Protein backbone atom coordinates (compact mmCIF):
# COMPACT_ATOMS: atom_id res chain seq x y z
CA UNK A 1 20.27 17.29 -16.54
CA UNK A 2 20.64 18.97 -13.15
CA UNK A 3 17.52 17.25 -11.87
CA UNK A 4 19.43 13.96 -11.84
CA UNK A 5 21.18 14.98 -8.61
CA UNK A 6 17.77 14.59 -6.90
CA UNK A 7 16.83 11.23 -8.35
CA UNK A 8 16.61 8.33 -5.86
CA UNK A 9 18.91 5.35 -6.53
CA UNK A 10 16.33 2.98 -5.21
CA UNK A 11 12.61 3.64 -4.80
CA UNK A 12 11.01 3.44 -1.37
CA UNK A 13 7.57 2.06 -2.23
CA UNK A 14 6.09 3.82 0.75
CA UNK A 15 6.23 6.99 -1.39
CA UNK A 16 3.09 5.75 -3.09
CA UNK A 17 1.23 6.26 0.21
CA UNK A 18 2.48 9.82 0.52
CA UNK A 19 1.95 11.15 -3.09
CA UNK A 20 -1.60 12.19 -3.66
CA UNK A 21 -3.77 13.36 -6.54
CA UNK A 22 -6.77 14.38 -4.49
CA UNK A 23 -9.04 11.46 -5.52
CA UNK A 24 -11.05 9.53 -2.91
CA UNK A 25 -8.86 6.44 -3.36
CA UNK A 26 -5.64 8.44 -2.84
CA UNK A 27 -3.80 8.50 0.46
CA UNK A 28 -4.61 11.52 2.65
CA UNK A 29 -2.47 14.65 2.34
CA UNK A 30 0.27 14.96 4.91
CA UNK A 31 3.37 17.13 5.51
CA UNK A 32 6.79 15.44 5.62
CA UNK A 33 10.16 16.79 6.68
CA UNK A 34 13.60 15.37 6.95
CA UNK A 35 12.99 14.91 10.71
CA UNK A 36 9.73 12.94 10.32
CA UNK A 37 10.07 11.28 6.92
CA UNK A 38 10.67 7.65 8.05
CA UNK A 39 7.97 7.85 10.74
CA UNK A 40 5.62 9.66 8.40
CA UNK A 41 5.98 7.17 5.55
CA UNK A 42 5.55 4.21 7.91
CA UNK A 43 2.38 5.79 9.32
CA UNK A 44 1.10 6.57 5.81
CA UNK A 45 1.72 2.97 4.78
CA UNK A 46 -0.06 1.62 7.86
CA UNK A 47 -3.07 3.93 7.34
CA UNK A 48 -3.25 3.19 3.63
CA UNK A 49 -3.08 -0.58 4.15
CA UNK A 50 -5.73 -0.40 6.83
CA UNK A 51 -8.12 1.42 4.52
CA UNK A 52 -7.30 -0.13 1.15
CA UNK A 53 -6.58 -3.81 1.87
CA UNK A 54 -9.42 -6.23 2.56
CA UNK A 55 -8.40 -9.68 3.80
CA UNK A 56 -11.07 -12.38 3.27
CA UNK A 57 -9.72 -15.36 5.16
CA UNK A 58 -12.79 -17.52 4.46
CA UNK A 59 -12.37 -17.28 0.65
CA UNK A 60 -8.55 -16.95 0.73
CA UNK A 61 -8.73 -13.66 -1.08
CA UNK A 62 -7.06 -10.29 -0.61
CA UNK A 63 -8.52 -7.18 -2.27
CA UNK A 64 -6.10 -4.29 -2.69
CA UNK A 65 -5.95 -0.79 -4.08
CA UNK A 66 -5.04 -0.44 -7.73
CA UNK A 67 -1.97 1.51 -6.60
CA UNK A 68 -0.46 -1.92 -5.76
CA UNK A 69 -1.13 -3.05 -9.31
CA UNK A 70 -0.05 0.08 -11.20
CA UNK A 71 3.26 0.19 -9.19
CA UNK A 72 3.65 -3.44 -8.37
CA UNK A 73 7.26 -3.69 -9.45
CA UNK A 74 8.12 -1.02 -6.87
CA UNK A 75 6.77 -3.31 -4.13
CA UNK A 76 7.47 -6.91 -5.41
CA UNK A 77 7.54 -9.22 -8.42
CA UNK A 78 4.82 -11.68 -7.46
CA UNK A 79 1.49 -11.47 -5.63
CA UNK A 80 2.91 -13.51 -2.73
CA UNK A 81 5.83 -11.15 -2.46
CA UNK A 82 3.44 -8.20 -2.54
CA UNK A 83 1.37 -9.69 0.38
CA UNK A 84 4.59 -10.31 2.35
CA UNK A 85 5.70 -6.66 1.69
CA UNK A 86 2.42 -5.20 3.04
CA UNK A 87 2.28 -7.60 6.02
CA UNK A 88 4.33 -5.40 8.38
CA UNK A 89 1.97 -2.48 7.65
CA UNK A 90 -1.16 -4.44 8.65
CA UNK A 91 -2.53 -4.63 12.17
CA UNK A 92 -4.99 -6.68 14.28
CA UNK A 93 -7.21 -9.15 12.47
CA UNK A 94 -6.03 -7.99 9.10
CA UNK A 95 -2.43 -8.95 10.08
CA UNK A 96 -3.46 -12.20 11.82
CA UNK A 97 -5.55 -13.40 8.88
CA UNK A 98 -2.98 -12.50 6.29
CA UNK A 99 -0.25 -14.14 8.29
CA UNK A 100 -2.37 -17.35 8.60
CA UNK A 101 -3.19 -17.31 4.86
CA UNK A 102 0.43 -16.92 3.83
CA UNK A 103 1.47 -19.69 6.21
CA UNK A 104 -1.19 -22.10 4.97
CA UNK A 105 0.42 -22.89 1.64
CA UNK A 106 -2.98 -22.45 -0.09
CA UNK A 107 -2.93 -20.16 -3.08
CA UNK A 108 -4.24 -16.66 -2.27
CA UNK A 109 -6.33 -14.85 -4.88
CA UNK A 110 -5.25 -11.22 -5.13
CA UNK A 111 -7.65 -8.75 -6.74
CA UNK A 112 -7.36 -5.05 -7.30
CA UNK A 113 -10.41 -2.88 -6.54
CA UNK A 114 -11.69 -0.14 -8.80
CA UNK A 115 -10.00 3.20 -8.16
CA UNK A 116 -12.32 6.05 -7.07
CA UNK A 117 -11.34 9.07 -9.07
CA UNK A 118 -13.98 11.33 -7.52
CA UNK A 119 -12.34 14.33 -5.92
CA UNK A 120 -12.06 14.55 -2.21
CA UNK A 121 -13.72 17.72 -1.04
CA UNK A 122 -14.77 19.36 2.12
CA UNK A 123 -18.39 18.77 3.07
């Protein structure tokens, strides 16, 4: 199969923040090139995590997009590993609260929010 020449040996999970289907819960559309790929994927991951991860420090809960559930093995094997994987892409209070929760040793409840399949459209 000639397509195998273009298959990635290892999956960069950030791809899930760049591939879009046009639904409201999908990442925004962006243009990537060989020159901006790493920067673009990092920015896409940061933006997606900012919008799609809710850290509730008081209840020791993290709510995440279903993309993290559907493709979990691309990111991590366990919920804790998943939270540690997303940590570098969080900022501000979100990052501080998640860092504190992971350092506390208290179990964190991870839930995955309903996916909004409604189409994004121009108003």
